[in-house]
N, C-alpha and C. Protein backbone atom coordinates (compact mmCIF):
# COMPACT_ATOMS: atom_id res chain seq x y z
N MET A 1 0.88 -1.12 -0.16
CA MET A 1 -0.09 0.11 0.00
C MET A 1 0.88 1.24 0.17
N SER A 2 0.65 2.37 -0.87
CA SER A 2 1.15 3.51 -0.90
C SER A 2 0.97 4.36 0.29
N LYS A 3 2.14 4.97 0.75
CA LYS A 3 1.82 5.90 1.69
C LYS A 3 1.25 7.17 1.71
N ASN A 4 0.45 7.62 2.44
CA ASN A 4 -0.32 8.78 2.46
C ASN A 4 0.34 10.16 2.55
N ILE A 5 0.60 11.02 2.19
CA ILE A 5 1.61 11.95 2.83
C ILE A 5 0.75 13.35 2.37
N LEU A 6 0.70 14.18 3.34
CA LEU A 6 -0.02 15.40 3.13
C LEU A 6 0.93 16.75 3.38
N VAL A 7 0.94 17.54 2.20
CA VAL A 7 1.91 18.51 2.03
C VAL A 7 1.11 20.08 2.13
N THR A 8 1.32 20.62 3.20
CA THR A 8 0.83 21.75 2.89
C THR A 8 1.22 22.99 2.32
N GLY A 9 0.61 23.97 1.67
CA GLY A 9 1.16 25.05 0.75
C GLY A 9 1.59 23.95 -0.62
N ALA A 10 1.12 23.27 -1.17
CA ALA A 10 1.45 22.55 -2.31
C ALA A 10 1.14 23.06 -3.44
N SER A 11 0.77 24.33 -3.67
CA SER A 11 0.42 24.92 -4.79
C SER A 11 1.41 25.76 -5.63
N SER A 12 2.66 25.98 -4.87
CA SER A 12 3.67 26.65 -5.27
C SER A 12 4.83 26.53 -4.65
N GLY A 13 6.13 26.92 -5.27
CA GLY A 13 7.29 26.89 -4.64
C GLY A 13 7.73 25.48 -3.93
N PHE A 14 8.38 25.49 -2.91
CA PHE A 14 8.96 24.28 -2.58
C PHE A 14 7.79 23.04 -2.12
N GLY A 15 6.58 23.49 -1.76
CA GLY A 15 5.68 22.59 -1.61
C GLY A 15 5.29 21.97 -2.63
N LEU A 16 5.23 22.71 -3.83
CA LEU A 16 4.76 22.08 -5.08
C LEU A 16 5.71 21.13 -5.74
N LEU A 17 7.13 21.79 -5.51
CA LEU A 17 8.33 20.76 -6.04
C LEU A 17 8.25 19.22 -5.04
N VAL A 18 8.08 19.37 -3.85
CA VAL A 18 8.01 18.19 -2.91
C VAL A 18 6.95 17.40 -3.24
N ALA A 19 5.59 17.87 -3.40
CA ALA A 19 4.41 17.26 -3.62
C ALA A 19 4.60 16.46 -4.86
N ASN A 20 4.95 17.21 -5.98
CA ASN A 20 5.28 16.59 -7.62
C ASN A 20 6.13 15.47 -7.45
N GLU A 21 7.22 15.59 -6.76
CA GLU A 21 8.48 14.52 -6.51
C GLU A 21 8.01 13.22 -5.95
N LEU A 22 7.20 13.34 -4.62
CA LEU A 22 6.58 12.35 -4.03
C LEU A 22 5.52 11.93 -4.76
N HIS A 23 4.56 12.39 -5.48
CA HIS A 23 3.77 11.82 -6.53
C HIS A 23 4.58 10.97 -7.57
N ARG A 24 5.39 11.45 -8.14
CA ARG A 24 6.19 10.77 -9.38
C ARG A 24 6.72 9.31 -8.57
N LYS A 25 7.16 9.43 -7.51
CA LYS A 25 7.88 8.41 -6.79
C LYS A 25 6.64 7.39 -6.40
N GLY A 26 5.18 7.62 -6.72
CA GLY A 26 4.34 6.68 -6.28
C GLY A 26 3.41 6.85 -5.02
N TYR A 27 3.89 7.92 -4.15
CA TYR A 27 2.89 7.80 -3.20
C TYR A 27 1.77 8.62 -3.38
N ASN A 28 0.83 8.32 -2.37
CA ASN A 28 -0.43 8.97 -2.69
C ASN A 28 -0.46 10.54 -1.64
N VAL A 29 -0.22 11.46 -2.80
CA VAL A 29 -0.05 13.12 -2.13
C VAL A 29 -1.24 13.75 -2.23
N ILE A 30 -1.48 14.52 -0.78
CA ILE A 30 -2.77 15.21 -0.97
C ILE A 30 -1.89 16.63 -0.47
N GLY A 31 -2.42 17.46 -1.28
CA GLY A 31 -1.82 18.76 -1.02
C GLY A 31 -2.82 19.68 -0.53
N THR A 32 -2.37 21.02 -0.23
CA THR A 32 -3.16 21.85 0.29
C THR A 32 -3.07 23.23 -0.30
N SER A 33 -3.99 24.03 -0.33
CA SER A 33 -3.90 25.36 -0.79
C SER A 33 -5.19 26.14 -0.23
N ARG A 34 -5.09 27.44 -0.48
CA ARG A 34 -6.11 28.23 -0.09
C ARG A 34 -7.40 28.30 -0.96
N ASN A 35 -6.91 28.11 -2.18
CA ASN A 35 -7.69 28.18 -3.63
C ASN A 35 -7.36 26.78 -4.40
N PRO A 36 -7.75 25.74 -3.91
CA PRO A 36 -7.44 24.41 -4.66
C PRO A 36 -8.03 24.29 -5.83
N GLU A 37 -9.10 24.89 -5.87
CA GLU A 37 -9.98 24.89 -7.53
C GLU A 37 -9.25 25.15 -8.63
N LYS A 38 -7.98 26.18 -8.22
CA LYS A 38 -7.37 26.51 -9.06
C LYS A 38 -6.22 25.74 -9.94
N TYR A 39 -6.21 24.68 -9.33
CA TYR A 39 -5.12 23.76 -9.54
C TYR A 39 -5.59 22.43 -10.02
N VAL A 40 -6.96 22.12 -9.86
CA VAL A 40 -7.37 20.72 -10.16
C VAL A 40 -6.87 20.35 -11.33
N SER A 41 -7.20 21.01 -12.35
CA SER A 41 -6.95 20.31 -13.85
C SER A 41 -5.37 20.34 -13.96
N THR A 42 -4.35 21.09 -13.27
CA THR A 42 -3.11 21.26 -13.86
C THR A 42 -2.19 20.34 -12.69
N LEU A 43 -2.51 19.75 -11.84
CA LEU A 43 -1.95 18.89 -10.89
C LEU A 43 -2.10 17.46 -10.82
N PRO A 44 -1.09 16.81 -10.71
CA PRO A 44 -1.29 15.03 -10.89
C PRO A 44 -1.90 14.54 -9.67
N PHE A 45 -1.92 15.36 -8.28
CA PHE A 45 -2.10 14.83 -6.94
C PHE A 45 -3.53 15.73 -6.51
N LYS A 46 -4.00 15.20 -5.60
CA LYS A 46 -5.43 15.77 -5.05
C LYS A 46 -5.02 17.00 -4.24
N MET A 47 -5.86 17.82 -4.16
CA MET A 47 -5.80 19.26 -3.67
C MET A 47 -6.86 19.49 -2.71
N ILE A 48 -6.78 19.83 -1.54
CA ILE A 48 -8.00 20.08 -0.75
C ILE A 48 -7.69 21.68 -0.22
N ALA A 49 -8.95 22.22 0.39
CA ALA A 49 -8.89 23.58 0.87
C ALA A 49 -8.41 23.53 2.39
N LEU A 50 -7.15 24.49 2.57
CA LEU A 50 -6.74 24.90 3.81
C LEU A 50 -6.24 26.13 3.87
N ASP A 51 -6.70 27.01 4.89
CA ASP A 51 -6.35 28.11 5.05
C ASP A 51 -5.74 28.24 6.32
N LEU A 52 -4.40 28.43 6.64
CA LEU A 52 -3.79 28.35 7.98
C LEU A 52 -4.33 29.49 8.97
N ASP A 53 -4.95 30.62 8.15
CA ASP A 53 -5.47 31.51 9.07
C ASP A 53 -6.95 31.46 9.62
N SER A 54 -7.42 30.31 9.22
CA SER A 54 -8.91 30.17 9.53
C SER A 54 -9.12 29.12 10.38
N GLU A 55 -9.56 29.28 11.77
CA GLU A 55 -10.15 28.03 12.43
C GLU A 55 -10.95 27.31 11.51
N GLN A 56 -12.10 27.86 10.96
CA GLN A 56 -13.01 26.88 10.37
C GLN A 56 -12.48 26.19 8.94
N SER A 57 -11.58 26.84 8.63
CA SER A 57 -11.07 26.14 7.19
C SER A 57 -10.09 24.66 8.11
N ILE A 58 -9.42 24.93 9.13
CA ILE A 58 -8.40 23.84 9.79
C ILE A 58 -9.49 22.87 10.13
N ASN A 59 -10.48 23.37 10.73
CA ASN A 59 -11.52 22.15 11.21
C ASN A 59 -12.12 21.39 10.06
N THR A 60 -12.76 22.10 9.07
CA THR A 60 -13.05 21.60 7.97
C THR A 60 -12.17 20.55 7.19
N PHE A 61 -10.83 21.12 7.15
CA PHE A 61 -9.86 20.13 6.58
C PHE A 61 -9.77 18.70 7.34
N SER A 62 -9.50 18.99 8.61
CA SER A 62 -9.23 17.79 9.38
C SER A 62 -10.33 16.88 9.37
N GLU A 63 -11.61 17.21 9.21
CA GLU A 63 -12.80 16.29 9.02
C GLU A 63 -12.82 15.76 7.82
N ARG A 64 -12.44 16.48 6.85
CA ARG A 64 -12.41 15.92 5.46
C ARG A 64 -11.25 14.89 5.03
N ILE A 65 -10.12 15.37 5.22
CA ILE A 65 -9.16 14.38 5.07
C ILE A 65 -9.33 13.17 5.32
N PHE A 66 -9.87 12.93 6.64
CA PHE A 66 -9.86 11.55 7.25
C PHE A 66 -11.07 10.71 7.08
N LYS A 67 -11.95 11.50 5.97
CA LYS A 67 -12.88 10.95 5.56
C LYS A 67 -12.63 10.18 4.01
N GLU A 68 -11.59 10.91 3.61
CA GLU A 68 -11.23 10.32 2.34
C GLU A 68 -10.00 9.46 2.40
N ILE A 69 -9.30 9.23 3.65
CA ILE A 69 -8.21 8.36 3.49
C ILE A 69 -8.44 7.66 4.94
N SER A 70 -8.02 6.58 4.93
CA SER A 70 -8.23 5.82 6.41
C SER A 70 -6.88 5.98 7.28
N GLN A 71 -5.75 6.56 6.75
CA GLN A 71 -4.63 6.75 7.46
C GLN A 71 -3.70 7.78 7.10
N LEU A 72 -2.97 8.49 8.01
CA LEU A 72 -2.08 9.52 7.05
C LEU A 72 -0.89 8.78 7.77
N ASP A 73 0.04 9.06 6.87
CA ASP A 73 1.62 8.40 7.18
C ASP A 73 2.63 9.80 7.47
N ILE A 74 2.47 10.80 6.84
CA ILE A 74 3.51 11.90 6.91
C ILE A 74 2.67 13.34 6.75
N LEU A 75 3.06 13.88 7.73
CA LEU A 75 2.41 15.58 7.52
C LEU A 75 3.66 16.13 7.20
N ILE A 76 3.71 16.95 6.05
CA ILE A 76 4.75 17.84 5.72
C ILE A 76 4.45 19.38 5.97
N ASN A 77 4.63 20.01 6.97
CA ASN A 77 4.23 21.43 7.16
C ASN A 77 4.91 22.35 6.26
N ASN A 78 4.52 22.89 5.38
CA ASN A 78 5.22 23.61 4.43
C ASN A 78 4.59 25.13 4.02
N ALA A 79 3.29 25.03 4.23
CA ALA A 79 2.47 26.59 3.87
C ALA A 79 3.28 27.59 4.98
N GLY A 80 3.40 28.71 4.32
CA GLY A 80 3.78 30.00 4.88
C GLY A 80 4.08 31.03 3.92
N PHE A 81 4.45 31.98 4.38
CA PHE A 81 4.98 33.20 3.55
C PHE A 81 6.09 34.07 4.37
N LEU A 82 6.73 34.80 3.23
CA LEU A 82 7.92 35.92 3.78
C LEU A 82 7.33 37.31 3.85
N VAL A 83 7.56 37.90 4.93
CA VAL A 83 7.36 39.25 5.21
C VAL A 83 8.97 39.59 5.10
N SER A 84 9.23 40.75 3.95
CA SER A 84 10.59 41.41 4.48
C SER A 84 10.57 42.77 4.50
N GLY A 85 11.55 43.58 5.15
CA GLY A 85 11.45 44.72 5.17
C GLY A 85 12.04 44.99 6.34
N ILE A 86 12.74 46.39 6.58
CA ILE A 86 13.18 47.01 7.79
C ILE A 86 12.06 46.62 8.72
N ALA A 87 12.70 46.15 10.12
CA ALA A 87 11.83 45.58 11.22
C ALA A 87 10.99 46.86 11.70
N GLU A 88 11.33 48.03 12.02
CA GLU A 88 10.89 49.19 12.45
C GLU A 88 9.87 49.72 11.62
N GLU A 89 10.03 49.60 10.21
CA GLU A 89 9.04 50.12 9.36
C GLU A 89 8.08 49.19 8.86
N THR A 90 8.27 47.87 9.25
CA THR A 90 7.21 46.89 9.06
C THR A 90 5.94 46.99 10.06
N PRO A 91 4.61 47.29 9.36
CA PRO A 91 3.60 47.38 10.64
C PRO A 91 3.59 46.09 11.32
N ILE A 92 3.17 46.45 12.34
CA ILE A 92 3.05 45.41 13.52
C ILE A 92 2.01 44.28 13.11
N ASP A 93 0.95 44.96 12.41
CA ASP A 93 -0.35 43.91 12.04
C ASP A 93 0.17 42.83 10.98
N LEU A 94 1.33 43.45 10.14
CA LEU A 94 1.74 42.38 9.12
C LEU A 94 2.99 41.41 9.76
N GLY A 95 3.41 41.88 10.74
CA GLY A 95 4.27 41.12 11.58
C GLY A 95 3.53 39.86 12.40
N ARG A 96 2.38 40.37 12.83
CA ARG A 96 1.37 39.48 13.56
C ARG A 96 0.93 38.57 12.45
N GLN A 97 0.47 38.89 11.23
CA GLN A 97 -0.13 38.17 10.38
C GLN A 97 1.00 36.79 9.97
N GLN A 98 2.25 37.38 9.87
CA GLN A 98 3.40 36.75 9.61
C GLN A 98 3.61 35.44 10.82
N LEU A 99 3.50 35.56 11.94
CA LEU A 99 3.46 34.93 13.04
C LEU A 99 2.29 33.87 13.19
N GLU A 100 1.06 34.36 12.93
CA GLU A 100 -0.17 33.79 12.83
C GLU A 100 -0.06 32.78 11.91
N THR A 101 0.42 32.86 10.52
CA THR A 101 0.33 32.17 9.56
C THR A 101 1.43 31.06 9.59
N ASN A 102 2.51 31.63 9.74
CA ASN A 102 3.92 30.63 9.83
C ASN A 102 3.94 29.74 11.24
N PHE A 103 3.46 30.41 12.06
CA PHE A 103 3.89 29.58 13.32
C PHE A 103 2.51 29.23 14.03
N TRP A 104 1.58 29.75 14.31
CA TRP A 104 0.28 29.27 14.93
C TRP A 104 -0.48 28.66 13.80
N GLY A 105 -0.64 28.66 12.67
CA GLY A 105 -1.32 28.02 11.50
C GLY A 105 -0.90 26.82 11.51
N THR A 106 0.48 26.49 11.43
CA THR A 106 1.40 25.47 11.34
C THR A 106 1.11 24.38 12.65
N ILE A 107 0.92 24.94 13.84
CA ILE A 107 0.71 24.36 15.19
C ILE A 107 -0.84 23.89 15.23
N LYS A 108 -1.69 24.80 14.75
CA LYS A 108 -3.12 24.40 14.61
C LYS A 108 -3.27 22.92 13.31
N VAL A 109 -2.63 23.04 12.42
CA VAL A 109 -2.72 21.94 11.42
C VAL A 109 -2.11 20.73 12.17
N THR A 110 -0.97 20.86 12.70
CA THR A 110 -0.37 19.99 13.28
C THR A 110 -1.33 19.11 14.46
N ASN A 111 -1.83 19.91 15.32
CA ASN A 111 -2.54 19.76 16.51
C ASN A 111 -3.94 18.84 15.66
N ALA A 112 -4.23 19.46 14.69
CA ALA A 112 -5.60 18.70 14.23
C ALA A 112 -5.13 17.24 13.51
N VAL A 113 -4.14 16.85 13.16
CA VAL A 113 -3.55 15.53 12.61
C VAL A 113 -3.22 14.62 13.96
N LEU A 114 -2.60 15.34 14.86
CA LEU A 114 -2.25 14.33 16.07
C LEU A 114 -3.28 13.59 16.72
N PRO A 115 -4.45 13.67 17.00
CA PRO A 115 -5.36 12.84 17.61
C PRO A 115 -5.31 11.62 16.45
N TYR A 116 -5.29 11.65 15.27
CA TYR A 116 -5.41 10.62 14.38
C TYR A 116 -3.96 9.96 14.40
N PHE A 117 -2.97 10.28 14.61
CA PHE A 117 -1.45 9.93 14.50
C PHE A 117 -1.34 8.98 15.73
N ARG A 118 -1.88 9.52 17.02
CA ARG A 118 -1.90 8.58 18.19
C ARG A 118 -2.84 7.72 18.17
N LYS A 119 -3.89 7.60 17.63
CA LYS A 119 -4.93 6.54 17.25
C LYS A 119 -4.48 5.48 16.42
N GLN A 120 -3.52 5.81 15.46
CA GLN A 120 -2.99 4.89 14.21
C GLN A 120 -1.74 4.44 14.93
N LYS A 121 -1.34 4.97 15.93
CA LYS A 121 0.05 4.74 16.72
C LYS A 121 1.12 4.84 16.13
N PHE A 122 1.34 5.73 15.16
CA PHE A 122 2.09 6.06 14.19
C PHE A 122 2.22 7.44 13.52
N GLY A 123 3.09 8.00 12.92
CA GLY A 123 3.17 9.01 12.06
C GLY A 123 4.52 9.71 11.91
N LYS A 124 4.50 10.51 11.17
CA LYS A 124 5.76 11.50 10.74
C LYS A 124 5.31 13.01 10.79
N ILE A 125 5.88 13.95 11.40
CA ILE A 125 5.98 15.19 11.03
C ILE A 125 6.77 15.62 10.59
N ILE A 126 6.87 16.40 9.48
CA ILE A 126 8.41 17.08 8.79
C ILE A 126 7.81 18.35 8.84
N THR A 127 8.57 19.52 9.47
CA THR A 127 8.13 20.65 9.15
C THR A 127 9.50 21.65 8.80
N VAL A 128 9.08 22.42 7.60
CA VAL A 128 10.14 23.07 6.94
C VAL A 128 10.48 24.16 7.67
N GLY A 129 11.63 24.56 7.72
CA GLY A 129 12.14 25.46 8.48
C GLY A 129 13.27 26.50 7.65
N SER A 130 14.14 27.35 7.87
CA SER A 130 14.83 28.11 7.36
C SER A 130 16.17 28.37 8.32
N ILE A 131 17.01 28.51 7.42
CA ILE A 131 18.34 28.94 7.98
C ILE A 131 18.22 30.14 8.93
N VAL A 132 17.20 31.04 8.65
CA VAL A 132 17.09 32.50 9.40
C VAL A 132 16.13 32.00 10.73
N GLY A 133 15.85 30.82 10.93
CA GLY A 133 15.34 30.23 12.25
C GLY A 133 16.52 29.84 13.08
N LEU A 134 17.61 29.66 12.64
CA LEU A 134 18.82 29.58 13.43
C LEU A 134 19.65 30.82 13.58
N VAL A 135 19.89 31.67 12.48
CA VAL A 135 20.84 32.47 12.42
C VAL A 135 19.74 33.74 11.85
N SER A 136 19.57 34.84 12.13
CA SER A 136 18.77 35.87 11.58
C SER A 136 19.66 36.70 10.71
N PHE A 137 18.90 37.55 9.61
CA PHE A 137 19.83 38.27 8.87
C PHE A 137 18.66 39.45 8.68
N PRO A 138 19.34 40.64 8.49
CA PRO A 138 18.44 41.88 8.03
C PRO A 138 17.42 41.65 7.20
N ASN A 139 16.46 42.78 7.38
CA ASN A 139 15.35 42.69 6.66
C ASN A 139 14.25 41.61 6.46
N ALA A 140 14.29 40.48 7.55
CA ALA A 140 13.33 39.26 7.71
C ALA A 140 13.08 39.53 9.29
N ALA A 141 13.04 40.22 9.98
CA ALA A 141 12.97 40.13 11.38
C ALA A 141 11.81 39.31 11.59
N TYR A 142 10.19 39.51 11.01
CA TYR A 142 9.23 38.78 11.40
C TYR A 142 9.44 37.26 10.88
N TYR A 143 10.04 37.04 9.68
CA TYR A 143 10.01 35.75 9.42
C TYR A 143 10.80 35.04 10.01
N ALA A 144 12.11 35.65 10.47
CA ALA A 144 12.87 34.90 11.44
C ALA A 144 12.23 34.33 12.68
N ALA A 145 11.53 35.48 13.22
CA ALA A 145 10.85 35.04 14.51
C ALA A 145 9.82 33.98 14.25
N SER A 146 9.57 34.00 13.28
CA SER A 146 8.29 32.78 12.79
C SER A 146 9.15 31.62 13.03
N LYS A 147 10.04 31.47 12.21
CA LYS A 147 10.96 30.28 12.02
C LYS A 147 11.70 29.85 13.17
N HIS A 148 12.10 30.78 13.93
CA HIS A 148 12.73 30.58 15.19
C HIS A 148 11.53 29.66 16.30
N ALA A 149 10.58 30.25 16.35
CA ALA A 149 9.53 29.88 17.01
C ALA A 149 9.29 28.42 16.43
N LEU A 150 9.03 28.12 15.16
CA LEU A 150 8.91 26.78 14.86
C LEU A 150 10.13 25.81 15.12
N GLU A 151 11.55 26.20 15.13
CA GLU A 151 12.45 25.37 15.38
C GLU A 151 12.27 24.87 17.06
N GLY A 152 11.96 25.95 17.85
CA GLY A 152 11.67 25.63 19.28
C GLY A 152 10.62 24.65 19.59
N TYR A 153 9.32 24.77 18.90
CA TYR A 153 8.44 24.13 19.32
C TYR A 153 8.60 22.76 18.96
N PHE A 154 8.92 22.47 17.50
CA PHE A 154 8.94 21.26 16.97
C PHE A 154 10.22 20.35 17.50
N LYS A 155 11.26 21.06 18.10
CA LYS A 155 12.16 20.41 18.77
C LYS A 155 11.59 19.69 20.08
N ALA A 156 10.83 20.56 20.85
CA ALA A 156 10.32 19.98 22.06
C ALA A 156 9.21 19.24 21.64
N LEU A 157 8.03 19.37 20.76
CA LEU A 157 7.42 18.36 20.51
C LEU A 157 8.02 16.79 20.06
N ARG A 158 9.18 16.86 19.33
CA ARG A 158 9.85 15.62 19.08
C ARG A 158 10.04 14.92 20.42
N TYR A 159 10.15 15.49 21.36
CA TYR A 159 10.46 14.56 22.76
C TYR A 159 9.09 14.12 23.22
N GLU A 160 8.11 14.88 23.10
CA GLU A 160 6.76 14.77 23.67
C GLU A 160 5.97 13.44 23.13
N LEU A 161 6.35 13.32 21.57
CA LEU A 161 5.64 12.65 20.94
C LEU A 161 6.54 11.19 20.53
N ASN A 162 7.74 11.24 20.98
CA ASN A 162 8.68 10.05 20.56
C ASN A 162 8.04 8.80 21.37
N GLU A 163 7.44 8.98 22.46
CA GLU A 163 7.00 7.37 23.11
C GLU A 163 5.53 6.98 22.32
N PHE A 164 4.97 7.85 21.63
CA PHE A 164 3.73 7.48 21.10
C PHE A 164 3.96 6.83 19.47
N ASN A 165 5.23 6.62 19.17
CA ASN A 165 5.67 6.26 17.76
C ASN A 165 5.42 7.20 16.73
N ILE A 166 5.57 8.53 17.28
CA ILE A 166 5.32 9.66 16.24
C ILE A 166 6.62 10.39 16.11
N SER A 167 7.24 10.52 14.95
CA SER A 167 8.58 11.12 15.05
C SER A 167 8.38 12.73 14.39
N VAL A 168 9.15 13.39 14.67
CA VAL A 168 8.97 14.87 14.32
C VAL A 168 10.53 15.37 13.89
N ALA A 169 10.62 16.01 12.75
CA ALA A 169 11.80 16.43 12.20
C ALA A 169 11.54 17.92 11.50
N MET A 170 12.81 18.63 11.57
CA MET A 170 12.89 20.04 11.16
C MET A 170 13.66 20.01 9.80
N ILE A 171 12.96 20.23 8.61
CA ILE A 171 14.26 20.41 7.46
C ILE A 171 14.44 21.94 7.32
N THR A 172 15.89 22.16 7.60
CA THR A 172 16.23 23.55 7.21
C THR A 172 16.61 24.09 5.84
N PHE A 173 16.25 24.98 5.28
CA PHE A 173 16.45 25.63 3.81
C PHE A 173 17.34 26.93 4.25
N CYS A 174 18.24 27.08 3.14
CA CYS A 174 18.93 28.46 3.36
C CYS A 174 18.28 29.62 2.61
N ILE A 175 16.92 29.62 3.09
CA ILE A 175 16.25 30.75 2.47
C ILE A 175 15.49 31.29 3.36
């Protein structure tokens, strides 16, 4: 049986590359996008709606995905965006949105999947990080903060879930 892999933010960038490659290798890939209807005819894998900034979207997503598949083997947390600009000139509301999407949205999706992983007694969570989550650089203060937060959270979660046969990993890119 082919493994079921969920890739958030699979409509562009790294998420699209990963989802396409996993599909090419024979995995059953389910991608997410805020607007999956735009991609239905152009992508070889299934796309479902998920907006990390919407509690309703996350709840609908978690109900829907487990009606369509009996188990989920791997969650790849990839969705997010980059706010760039001088920190003091970046509006606080934009910084909050950066953290709400990249950090809190990722946590909410993970928390929606965890009960299913615990029930099936296994699972893998892979979260896409960034080098700026380890070493910050100018003009990306809020993005760096969101990626630093993900690093800390998922490193702690790794220890908490180990006894449940749920593995947690961070993949760090130089972007």
